[in-house]
Amino acid sequence: MSNTTVPISEWCKEIRVALARKEMNLQSVADEIGYSYTTITALISGRIVKDNYLDIAKKINEVLEVNVLPEKPQLPSDEWCGAVRAKLYVKKMNISELSKSIGFNRDKVSLVLNGHALDWPVIEKINEQLKVEVPAVPVGTD
């Protein structure tokens, strides 16, 4: 297998093509590699929630005979996530209230706040609403 990495969106397209070619579905892949369907779908949809995403991707690739690996997407920094949580604490606000105030789905906001997804429109609204000044990603990494 190649060690070539591509943006996760390209890898996801390769996986979907391979699923059709091999006449498999995500549940059968999950069963074969020993990971849950939820973990597989989170990875394939670009929501990486585990540090071992590359190991999981390699196993998926073996089953589906895909030759490229996903790059790890950029994620919000721990410092930014912590700054947002501190602002929420001071304002006695929870994630549901923040979500409503910025007009985004609670699950999407939660993924961003927990450092699992980088969604610039959500980050910009959070920064604006809570007046967060810490960079969402470390300087020099975007």
Foldseek 3Di string as FASTA:
>chain_A
DAAAEDALQVVLVLLVVLCVVVVHDLCVLCVVLVHHSVQSVCSSVLQHDDPVSQVSQVSSCVVSVDHYTYDNDFWFDPVQLVQLVVLCVVVVHDLVRLCVVLVHDSVVLVSRSVGRDDDPSSSVSSCVVSVDDDDRGPPPPD
